């Protein structure tokens, strides 16, 4: 048996989008991410107690 080791470089593109009210009907950001990203995304949410 012969063994061959290869290094295979892999490039990933990660898009980060900051938005408010991501699930609001008028916010198209989530729909665009799902459409452009092949239907996969991860969402991180936080609730700010700061009043602007």
PDB file of N, CA and C in Angstrom:
ATOM      1  N   UNK A   1       0.847  -1.168   0.000  1.00  0.00           N
ATOM      2  CA  UNK A   1       0.000   0.000   0.000  1.00  0.00           C
ATOM      3  C   UNK A   1       0.895   1.234   0.000  1.00  0.00           C
ATOM      4  N   UNK A   2       0.568   2.199  -0.827  1.00  0.00           N
ATOM      5  CA  UNK A   2       1.299   3.461  -0.816  1.00  0.00           C
ATOM      6  C   UNK A   2       0.385   4.551  -0.251  1.00  0.00           C
ATOM      7  N   UNK A   3       1.005   5.478   0.400  1.00  0.00           N
ATOM      8  CA  UNK A   3       0.232   6.552   1.034  1.00  0.00           C
ATOM      9  C   UNK A   3       0.708   7.883   0.474  1.00  0.00           C
ATOM     10  N   UNK A   4      -0.241   8.752   0.184  1.00  0.00           N
ATOM     11  CA  UNK A   4       0.059  10.080  -0.328  1.00  0.00           C
ATOM     12  C   UNK A   4      -0.705  11.107   0.502  1.00  0.00           C
ATOM     13  N   UNK A   5      -0.017  12.078   1.021  1.00  0.00           N
ATOM     14  CA  UNK A   5      -0.650  13.152   1.783  1.00  0.00           C
ATOM     15  C   UNK A   5      -0.679  14.411   0.937  1.00  0.00           C
ATOM     16  N   UNK A   6      -1.837  15.035   0.889  1.00  0.00           N
ATOM     17  CA  UNK A   6      -2.019  16.251   0.110  1.00  0.00           C
ATOM     18  C   UNK A   6      -2.555  17.351   1.011  1.00  0.00           C
ATOM     19  N   UNK A   7      -2.085  18.553   0.825  1.00  0.00           N
ATOM     20  CA  UNK A   7      -2.674  19.706   1.480  1.00  0.00           C
ATOM     21  C   UNK A   7      -3.632  20.350   0.498  1.00  0.00           C
ATOM     22  N   UNK A   8      -4.868  20.520   0.922  1.00  0.00           N
ATOM     23  CA  UNK A   8      -5.894  21.084   0.062  1.00  0.00           C
ATOM     24  C   UNK A   8      -6.387  22.373   0.710  1.00  0.00           C
ATOM     25  N   UNK A   9      -6.052  23.518   0.130  1.00  0.00           N
ATOM     26  CA  UNK A   9      -6.546  24.774   0.694  1.00  0.00           C
ATOM     27  C   UNK A   9      -8.032  24.950   0.382  1.00  0.00           C
ATOM     28  N   UNK A  10      -8.768  25.400   1.368  1.00  0.00           N
ATOM     29  CA  UNK A  10     -10.202  25.624   1.209  1.00  0.00           C
ATOM     30  C   UNK A  10     -10.495  27.065   1.608  1.00  0.00           C
ATOM     31  N   UNK A  11     -11.217  27.764   0.760  1.00  0.00           N
ATOM     32  CA  UNK A  11     -11.556  29.158   1.019  1.00  0.00           C
ATOM     33  C   UNK A  11     -13.041  29.249   1.360  1.00  0.00           C
ATOM     34  N   UNK A  12     -13.348  29.914   2.444  1.00  0.00           N
ATOM     35  CA  UNK A  12     -14.729  30.131   2.844  1.00  0.00           C
ATOM     36  C   UNK A  12     -15.006  31.631   2.845  1.00  0.00           C
ATOM     37  N   UNK A  13     -16.190  31.997   2.455  1.00  0.00           N
ATOM     38  CA  UNK A  13     -16.632  33.372   2.555  1.00  0.00           C
ATOM     39  C   UNK A  13     -17.711  33.433   3.624  1.00  0.00           C
ATOM     40  N   UNK A  14     -17.515  34.317   4.573  1.00  0.00           N
ATOM     41  CA  UNK A  14     -18.498  34.504   5.637  1.00  0.00           C
ATOM     42  C   UNK A  14     -19.053  35.915   5.527  1.00  0.00           C
ATOM     43  N   UNK A  15     -20.345  36.022   5.414  1.00  0.00           N
ATOM     44  CA  UNK A  15     -20.986  37.333   5.349  1.00  0.00           C
ATOM     45  C   UNK A  15     -21.587  37.620   6.717  1.00  0.00           C
ATOM     46  N   UNK A  16     -21.313  38.805   7.217  1.00  0.00           N
ATOM     47  CA  UNK A  16     -21.873  39.234   8.492  1.00  0.00           C
ATOM     48  C   UNK A  16     -22.761  40.436   8.222  1.00  0.00           C
ATOM     49  N   UNK A  17     -23.985  40.360   8.683  1.00  0.00           N
ATOM     50  CA  UNK A  17     -24.943  41.446   8.470  1.00  0.00           C
ATOM     51  C   UNK A  17     -25.450  41.902   9.835  1.00  0.00           C
ATOM     52  N   UNK A  18     -25.359  43.194  10.081  1.00  0.00           N
ATOM     53  CA  UNK A  18     -25.906  43.771  11.299  1.00  0.00           C
ATOM     54  C   UNK A  18     -27.201  44.480  10.927  1.00  0.00           C
ATOM     55  N   UNK A  19     -28.264  44.178  11.643  1.00  0.00           N
ATOM     56  CA  UNK A  19     -29.551  44.811  11.350  1.00  0.00           C
ATOM     57  C   UNK A  19     -30.364  44.861  12.641  1.00  0.00           C
ATOM     58  N   UNK A  20     -31.361  45.662  12.631  1.00  0.00           N
ATOM     59  CA  UNK A  20     -32.306  45.721  13.745  1.00  0.00           C
ATOM     60  C   UNK A  20     -33.618  45.105  13.285  1.00  0.00           C
ATOM     61  N   UNK A  21     -34.340  44.544  14.224  1.00  0.00           N
ATOM     62  CA  UNK A  21     -35.652  43.949  13.924  1.00  0.00           C
ATOM     63  C   UNK A  21     -35.572  42.980  12.747  1.00  0.00           C
ATOM     64  N   UNK A  22     -34.675  42.002  12.852  1.00  0.00           N
ATOM     65  CA  UNK A  22     -34.394  41.065  11.756  1.00  0.00           C
ATOM     66  C   UNK A  22     -35.632  40.298  11.302  1.00  0.00           C
ATOM     67  N   UNK A  23     -36.581  40.083  12.204  1.00  0.00           N
ATOM     68  CA  UNK A  23     -37.758  39.290  11.850  1.00  0.00           C
ATOM     69  C   UNK A  23     -38.974  40.149  11.516  1.00  0.00           C
ATOM     70  N   UNK A  24     -38.792  41.456  11.443  1.00  0.00           N
ATOM     71  CA  UNK A  24     -39.899  42.349  11.089  1.00  0.00           C
ATOM     72  C   UNK A  24     -40.263  42.162   9.614  1.00  0.00           C
ATOM     73  N   UNK A  25     -41.525  42.323   9.320  1.00  0.00           N
ATOM     74  CA  UNK A  25     -42.009  42.114   7.947  1.00  0.00           C
ATOM     75  C   UNK A  25     -41.333  43.048   6.950  1.00  0.00           C
ATOM     76  N   UNK A  26     -41.004  44.251   7.354  1.00  0.00           N
ATOM     77  CA  UNK A  26     -40.400  45.212   6.439  1.00  0.00           C
ATOM     78  C   UNK A  26     -38.893  45.097   6.301  1.00  0.00           C
ATOM     79  N   UNK A  27     -38.260  44.182   7.020  1.00  0.00           N
ATOM     80  CA  UNK A  27     -36.812  44.031   6.965  1.00  0.00           C
ATOM     81  C   UNK A  27     -36.468  42.893   6.003  1.00  0.00           C
ATOM     82  N   UNK A  28     -35.874  43.236   4.882  1.00  0.00           N
ATOM     83  CA  UNK A  28     -35.569  42.246   3.839  1.00  0.00           C
ATOM     84  C   UNK A  28     -34.217  41.561   4.049  1.00  0.00           C
ATOM     85  N   UNK A  29     -33.471  41.927   5.086  1.00  0.00           N
ATOM     86  CA  UNK A  29     -32.118  41.394   5.281  1.00  0.00           C
ATOM     87  C   UNK A  29     -32.108  39.872   5.396  1.00  0.00           C
ATOM     88  N   UNK A  30     -32.988  39.308   6.204  1.00  0.00           N
ATOM     89  CA  UNK A  30     -33.001  37.854   6.400  1.00  0.00           C
ATOM     90  C   UNK A  30     -33.350  37.123   5.105  1.00  0.00           C
ATOM     91  N   UNK A  31     -34.328  37.599   4.376  1.00  0.00           N
ATOM     92  CA  UNK A  31     -34.700  36.965   3.104  1.00  0.00           C
ATOM     93  C   UNK A  31     -33.537  37.012   2.110  1.00  0.00           C
ATOM     94  N   UNK A  32     -32.822  38.132   2.064  1.00  0.00           N
ATOM     95  CA  UNK A  32     -31.681  38.251   1.155  1.00  0.00           C
ATOM     96  C   UNK A  32     -30.553  37.299   1.545  1.00  0.00           C
ATOM     97  N   UNK A  33     -30.296  37.187   2.834  1.00  0.00           N
ATOM     98  CA  UNK A  33     -29.243  36.274   3.300  1.00  0.00           C
ATOM     99  C   UNK A  33     -29.588  34.836   2.938  1.00  0.00           C
ATOM    100  N   UNK A  34     -30.818  34.427   3.169  1.00  0.00           N
ATOM    101  CA  UNK A  34     -31.217  33.052   2.859  1.00  0.00           C
ATOM    102  C   UNK A  34     -31.166  32.796   1.356  1.00  0.00           C
ATOM    103  N   UNK A  35     -31.567  33.765   0.569  1.00  0.00           N
ATOM    104  CA  UNK A  35     -31.539  33.597  -0.886  1.00  0.00           C
ATOM    105  C   UNK A  35     -30.097  33.540  -1.396  1.00  0.00           C
ATOM    106  N   UNK A  36     -29.262  34.466  -0.972  1.00  0.00           N
ATOM    107  CA  UNK A  36     -27.892  34.549  -1.470  1.00  0.00           C
ATOM    108  C   UNK A  36     -26.983  33.488  -0.867  1.00  0.00           C
ATOM    109  N   UNK A  37     -27.312  32.997   0.319  1.00  0.00           N
ATOM    110  CA  UNK A  37     -26.446  32.049   1.021  1.00  0.00           C
ATOM    111  C   UNK A  37     -26.841  30.604   0.831  1.00  0.00           C
ATOM    112  N   UNK A  38     -27.724  30.309  -0.090  1.00  0.00           N
ATOM    113  CA  UNK A  38     -28.109  28.928  -0.340  1.00  0.00           C
ATOM    114  C   UNK A  38     -29.062  28.363   0.699  1.00  0.00           C
ATOM    115  N   UNK A  39     -29.732  29.232   1.445  1.00  0.00           N
ATOM    116  CA  UNK A  39     -30.738  28.776   2.395  1.00  0.00           C
ATOM    117  C   UNK A  39     -30.214  28.441   3.775  1.00  0.00           C
ATOM    118  N   UNK A  40     -28.968  28.819   4.067  1.00  0.00           N
ATOM    119  CA  UNK A  40     -28.413  28.529   5.393  1.00  0.00           C
ATOM    120  C   UNK A  40     -27.875  29.797   6.027  1.00  0.00           C
ATOM    121  N   UNK A  41     -28.119  29.932   7.315  1.00  0.00           N
ATOM    122  CA  UNK A  41     -27.550  31.061   8.038  1.00  0.00           C
ATOM    123  C   UNK A  41     -27.564  30.745   9.533  1.00  0.00           C
ATOM    124  N   UNK A  42     -26.802  31.507  10.271  1.00  0.00           N
ATOM    125  CA  UNK A  42     -26.816  31.447  11.733  1.00  0.00           C
ATOM    126  C   UNK A  42     -27.197  32.836  12.213  1.00  0.00           C
ATOM    127  N   UNK A  43     -28.026  32.882  13.236  1.00  0.00           N
ATOM    128  CA  UNK A  43     -28.518  34.166  13.732  1.00  0.00           C
ATOM    129  C   UNK A  43     -28.141  34.285  15.199  1.00  0.00           C
ATOM    130  N   UNK A  44     -27.545  35.415  15.545  1.00  0.00           N
ATOM    131  CA  UNK A  44     -27.249  35.728  16.945  1.00  0.00           C
ATOM    132  C   UNK A  44     -28.049  36.963  17.303  1.00  0.00           C
ATOM    133  N   UNK A  45     -28.796  36.882  18.370  1.00  0.00           N
ATOM    134  CA  UNK A  45     -29.663  37.989  18.796  1.00  0.00           C
ATOM    135  C   UNK A  45     -29.287  38.419  20.206  1.00  0.00           C
ATOM    136  N   UNK A  46     -29.456  39.684  20.452  1.00  0.00           N
ATOM    137  CA  UNK A  46     -29.383  40.162  21.813  1.00  0.00           C
ATOM    138  C   UNK A  46     -30.434  41.232  22.012  1.00  0.00           C
ATOM    139  N   UNK A  47     -30.852  41.387  23.225  1.00  0.00           N
ATOM    140  CA  UNK A  47     -31.845  42.396  23.535  1.00  0.00           C
ATOM    141  C   UNK A  47     -31.160  43.471  24.336  1.00  0.00           C
ATOM    142  N   UNK A  48     -31.176  44.649  23.822  1.00  0.00           N
ATOM    143  CA  UNK A  48     -30.529  45.765  24.501  1.00  0.00           C
ATOM    144  C   UNK A  48     -31.551  46.480  25.365  1.00  0.00           C
ATOM    145  N   UNK A  49     -31.150  46.808  26.572  1.00  0.00           N
ATOM    146  CA  UNK A  49     -32.046  47.547  27.450  1.00  0.00           C
ATOM    147  C   UNK A  49     -31.824  49.053  27.323  1.00  0.00           C
ATOM    148  N   UNK A  50     -30.924  49.439  26.414  1.00  0.00           N
ATOM    149  CA  UNK A  50     -30.621  50.853  26.217  1.00  0.00           C
ATOM    150  C   UNK A  50     -31.700  51.503  25.356  1.00  0.00           C
ATOM    151  N   UNK A  51     -32.202  52.584  25.815  1.00  0.00           N
ATOM    152  CA  UNK A  51     -33.201  53.338  25.037  1.00  0.00           C
ATOM    153  C   UNK A  51     -32.462  54.413  24.248  1.00  0.00           C
ATOM    154  N   UNK A  52     -32.652  54.439  22.948  1.00  0.00           N
ATOM    155  CA  UNK A  52     -32.007  55.468  22.107  1.00  0.00           C
ATOM    156  C   UNK A  52     -32.969  56.569  21.796  1.00  0.00           C
TER     157      UNK A  52
END
